[in-house]
Amino acid sequence: MSKIMAVDDEPDIISLLGKILKKAGYEFVGCSSGKEFLERYPNEKPDLVLLDIMMPGMDGWDVYNEIRKINRNQKVAPLTALEVPDRVKDCIFELGASDYIMKPFKPDELVEKVNKILKKH
C-alpha cells in the first residue's frame, strides 16, 4: 500500500484528501503546516507528497526545498487553487515536481492523477 502525505493549512482539504485517498486504498498522513510536515516527514517515508503552495508562514516552495535537501527523489505534487501559466508549469517540472493538482478537485480526478504519478516513476 502506497503512503501519501499531504500538507495544507485548510483542515477541510486535509480531511477530504484523507477520505478520498483512503477509500482508493492508500495510506494517508495529513499535516496542517510546513513545520509539522517537516517534523513528521523523515519517519513517515511517503511515496508521494501533496503540497499546498499558498500557506502562511512556511509556504509550499519553502517546504519543497527542504524536502529536496532530505530526499532528492521524493515524488511531490503541488496543490494549487491558482491557474498555472505554462511557464510556471515548466518551472514546476524543471524543479522536479511529479505533477500538480488543481483545487478544487473531483475525487475521481484526484485518484487518477495520484495513480498516474505513482506509476510514472
C-alpha atoms as a PDB file:
ATOM      1  CA  MET A   1       0.000   0.000   0.000  1.00  0.00           C
ATOM      2  CA  SER A   2       1.458   3.352  -1.044  1.00  0.00           C
ATOM      3  CA  LYS A   3       1.663   6.107   1.548  1.00  0.00           C
ATOM      4  CA  ILE A   4       0.696   9.661   0.703  1.00  0.00           C
ATOM      5  CA  MET A   5       1.443  12.650   2.890  1.00  0.00           C
ATOM      6  CA  ALA A   6      -0.341  15.938   2.359  1.00  0.00           C
ATOM      7  CA  VAL A   7       0.291  19.352   3.839  1.00  0.00           C
ATOM      8  CA  ASP A   8      -2.375  22.038   3.606  1.00  0.00           C
ATOM      9  CA  ASP A   9      -3.334  24.786   6.039  1.00  0.00           C
ATOM     10  CA  GLU A  10      -7.047  24.151   5.394  1.00  0.00           C
ATOM     11  CA  PRO A  11      -8.341  21.333   7.657  1.00  0.00           C
ATOM     12  CA  ASP A  12     -11.251  20.644   5.274  1.00  0.00           C
ATOM     13  CA  ILE A  13      -8.830  19.942   2.423  1.00  0.00           C
ATOM     14  CA  ILE A  14      -6.770  17.561   4.573  1.00  0.00           C
ATOM     15  CA  SER A  15      -9.944  15.782   5.677  1.00  0.00           C
ATOM     16  CA  LEU A  16     -11.239  15.496   2.107  1.00  0.00           C
ATOM     17  CA  LEU A  17      -7.888  14.257   0.776  1.00  0.00           C
ATOM     18  CA  GLY A  18      -7.753  11.660   3.546  1.00  0.00           C
ATOM     19  CA  LYS A  19     -11.251  10.344   2.836  1.00  0.00           C
ATOM     20  CA  ILE A  20     -10.719  10.128  -0.918  1.00  0.00           C
ATOM     21  CA  LEU A  21      -7.261   8.572  -0.792  1.00  0.00           C
ATOM     22  CA  LYS A  22      -8.059   6.060   1.967  1.00  0.00           C
ATOM     23  CA  LYS A  23     -11.134   4.956   0.015  1.00  0.00           C
ATOM     24  CA  ALA A  24      -8.851   4.464  -3.011  1.00  0.00           C
ATOM     25  CA  GLY A  25      -6.638   2.161  -0.941  1.00  0.00           C
ATOM     26  CA  TYR A  26      -3.815   4.497   0.039  1.00  0.00           C
ATOM     27  CA  GLU A  27      -2.346   5.065   3.466  1.00  0.00           C
ATOM     28  CA  PHE A  28      -2.733   8.778   4.281  1.00  0.00           C
ATOM     29  CA  VAL A  29      -0.963  11.190   6.613  1.00  0.00           C
ATOM     30  CA  GLY A  30      -2.184  14.794   6.778  1.00  0.00           C
ATOM     31  CA  CYS A  31      -0.310  17.799   8.165  1.00  0.00           C
ATOM     32  CA  SER A  32      -1.627  21.312   8.732  1.00  0.00           C
ATOM     33  CA  SER A  33       1.640  23.240   8.354  1.00  0.00           C
ATOM     34  CA  GLY A  34       5.023  23.029   6.744  1.00  0.00           C
ATOM     35  CA  LYS A  35       6.652  22.846  10.164  1.00  0.00           C
ATOM     36  CA  GLU A  36       4.503  19.876  11.237  1.00  0.00           C
ATOM     37  CA  PHE A  37       5.151  18.161   7.918  1.00  0.00           C
ATOM     38  CA  LEU A  38       8.933  18.521   8.175  1.00  0.00           C
ATOM     39  CA  GLU A  39       8.905  17.152  11.734  1.00  0.00           C
ATOM     40  CA  ARG A  40       6.974  14.033  10.639  1.00  0.00           C
ATOM     41  CA  TYR A  41       8.366  13.533   7.135  1.00  0.00           C
ATOM     42  CA  PRO A  42      11.604  11.627   7.955  1.00  0.00           C
ATOM     43  CA  ASN A  43       9.710   8.960   9.938  1.00  0.00           C
ATOM     44  CA  GLU A  44       6.786   8.590   7.525  1.00  0.00           C
ATOM     45  CA  LYS A  45       8.739   7.932   4.305  1.00  0.00           C
ATOM     46  CA  PRO A  46       5.822   8.646   1.928  1.00  0.00           C
ATOM     47  CA  ASP A  47       5.653   7.506  -1.672  1.00  0.00           C
ATOM     48  CA  LEU A  48       4.095  10.841  -2.657  1.00  0.00           C
ATOM     49  CA  VAL A  49       3.752  14.280  -1.076  1.00  0.00           C
ATOM     50  CA  LEU A  50       0.798  16.537  -1.930  1.00  0.00           C
ATOM     51  CA  LEU A  51       1.932  20.037  -1.097  1.00  0.00           C
ATOM     52  CA  ASP A  52      -0.196  23.171  -0.821  1.00  0.00           C
ATOM     53  CA  ILE A  53       1.727  26.113  -2.255  1.00  0.00           C
ATOM     54  CA  MET A  54      -0.084  29.018  -0.570  1.00  0.00           C
ATOM     55  CA  MET A  55       0.315  28.598   3.200  1.00  0.00           C
ATOM     56  CA  PRO A  56       1.044  31.127   5.935  1.00  0.00           C
ATOM     57  CA  GLY A  57       4.487  31.067   7.494  1.00  0.00           C
ATOM     58  CA  MET A  58       6.437  28.409   5.646  1.00  0.00           C
ATOM     59  CA  ASP A  59       4.905  28.253   2.159  1.00  0.00           C
ATOM     60  CA  GLY A  60       4.904  25.267  -0.152  1.00  0.00           C
ATOM     61  CA  TRP A  61       8.047  26.290  -2.019  1.00  0.00           C
ATOM     62  CA  ASP A  62       9.976  26.517   1.282  1.00  0.00           C
ATOM     63  CA  VAL A  63       8.744  23.043   2.240  1.00  0.00           C
ATOM     64  CA  TYR A  64       9.580  21.740  -1.242  1.00  0.00           C
ATOM     65  CA  ASN A  65      13.174  22.993  -0.925  1.00  0.00           C
ATOM     66  CA  GLU A  66      13.524  21.264   2.456  1.00  0.00           C
ATOM     67  CA  ILE A  67      12.142  18.010   1.039  1.00  0.00           C
ATOM     68  CA  ARG A  68      14.742  18.136  -1.742  1.00  0.00           C
ATOM     69  CA  LYS A  69      17.539  18.512   0.839  1.00  0.00           C
ATOM     70  CA  ILE A  70      16.340  15.349   2.632  1.00  0.00           C
ATOM     71  CA  ASN A  71      15.297  13.211  -0.351  1.00  0.00           C
ATOM     72  CA  ARG A  72      16.159  14.424  -3.826  1.00  0.00           C
ATOM     73  CA  ASN A  73      13.982  11.694  -5.405  1.00  0.00           C
ATOM     74  CA  GLN A  74      10.794  12.296  -3.427  1.00  0.00           C
ATOM     75  CA  LYS A  75       7.690  12.451  -5.634  1.00  0.00           C
ATOM     76  CA  VAL A  76       5.917  15.747  -4.979  1.00  0.00           C
ATOM     77  CA  ALA A  77       2.733  17.171  -6.485  1.00  0.00           C
ATOM     78  CA  PRO A  78       1.933  20.794  -5.631  1.00  0.00           C
ATOM     79  CA  LEU A  79      -1.705  21.611  -4.787  1.00  0.00           C
ATOM     80  CA  THR A  80      -2.865  24.980  -6.042  1.00  0.00           C
ATOM     81  CA  ALA A  81      -6.084  26.921  -6.395  1.00  0.00           C
ATOM     82  CA  LEU A  82      -4.449  29.391  -8.785  1.00  0.00           C
ATOM     83  CA  GLU A  83      -4.451  28.914 -12.532  1.00  0.00           C
ATOM     84  CA  VAL A  84      -0.982  27.725 -13.501  1.00  0.00           C
ATOM     85  CA  PRO A  85       0.526  29.513 -16.533  1.00  0.00           C
ATOM     86  CA  ASP A  86       2.593  27.405 -18.927  1.00  0.00           C
ATOM     87  CA  ARG A  87       5.885  28.998 -17.832  1.00  0.00           C
ATOM     88  CA  VAL A  88       5.125  28.126 -14.187  1.00  0.00           C
ATOM     89  CA  LYS A  89       4.192  24.552 -15.197  1.00  0.00           C
ATOM     90  CA  ASP A  90       7.561  24.272 -16.916  1.00  0.00           C
ATOM     91  CA  CYS A  91       9.261  25.579 -13.777  1.00  0.00           C
ATOM     92  CA  ILE A  92       7.377  23.109 -11.564  1.00  0.00           C
ATOM     93  CA  PHE A  93       8.576  20.202 -13.670  1.00  0.00           C
ATOM     94  CA  GLU A  94      12.130  21.583 -14.006  1.00  0.00           C
ATOM     95  CA  LEU A  95      12.318  21.741 -10.207  1.00  0.00           C
ATOM     96  CA  GLY A  96      11.495  18.048 -10.126  1.00  0.00           C
ATOM     97  CA  ALA A  97       7.827  18.013  -9.145  1.00  0.00           C
ATOM     98  CA  SER A  98       5.998  14.970 -10.453  1.00  0.00           C
ATOM     99  CA  ASP A  99       2.835  16.854 -11.443  1.00  0.00           C
ATOM    100  CA  TYR A 100       0.442  19.378  -9.914  1.00  0.00           C
ATOM    101  CA  ILE A 101      -3.161  19.170  -8.748  1.00  0.00           C
ATOM    102  CA  MET A 102      -5.695  21.971  -9.130  1.00  0.00           C
ATOM    103  CA  LYS A 103      -8.073  22.821  -6.270  1.00  0.00           C
ATOM    104  CA  PRO A 104     -10.953  22.279  -6.193  1.00  0.00           C
ATOM    105  CA  PHE A 105     -10.560  18.733  -7.464  1.00  0.00           C
ATOM    106  CA  LYS A 106     -13.050  15.985  -8.208  1.00  0.00           C
ATOM    107  CA  PRO A 107     -12.418  12.787  -6.222  1.00  0.00           C
ATOM    108  CA  ASP A 108     -12.014  10.580  -9.299  1.00  0.00           C
ATOM    109  CA  GLU A 109      -9.659  13.063 -10.966  1.00  0.00           C
ATOM    110  CA  LEU A 110      -7.529  13.273  -7.812  1.00  0.00           C
ATOM    111  CA  VAL A 111      -7.220   9.477  -7.589  1.00  0.00           C
ATOM    112  CA  GLU A 112      -6.468   9.222 -11.314  1.00  0.00           C
ATOM    113  CA  LYS A 113      -3.686  11.817 -11.061  1.00  0.00           C
ATOM    114  CA  VAL A 114      -2.203  10.192  -7.931  1.00  0.00           C
ATOM    115  CA  ASN A 115      -2.261   6.768  -9.614  1.00  0.00           C
ATOM    116  CA  LYS A 116      -0.551   8.237 -12.667  1.00  0.00           C
ATOM    117  CA  ILE A 117       2.171   9.944 -10.610  1.00  0.00           C
ATOM    118  CA  LEU A 118       2.925   6.807  -8.608  1.00  0.00           C
ATOM    119  CA  LYS A 119       3.093   4.608 -11.734  1.00  0.00           C
ATOM    120  CA  LYS A 120       5.162   7.122 -13.705  1.00  0.00           C
ATOM    121  CA  HIS A 121       8.294   6.740 -11.585  1.00  0.00           C
END
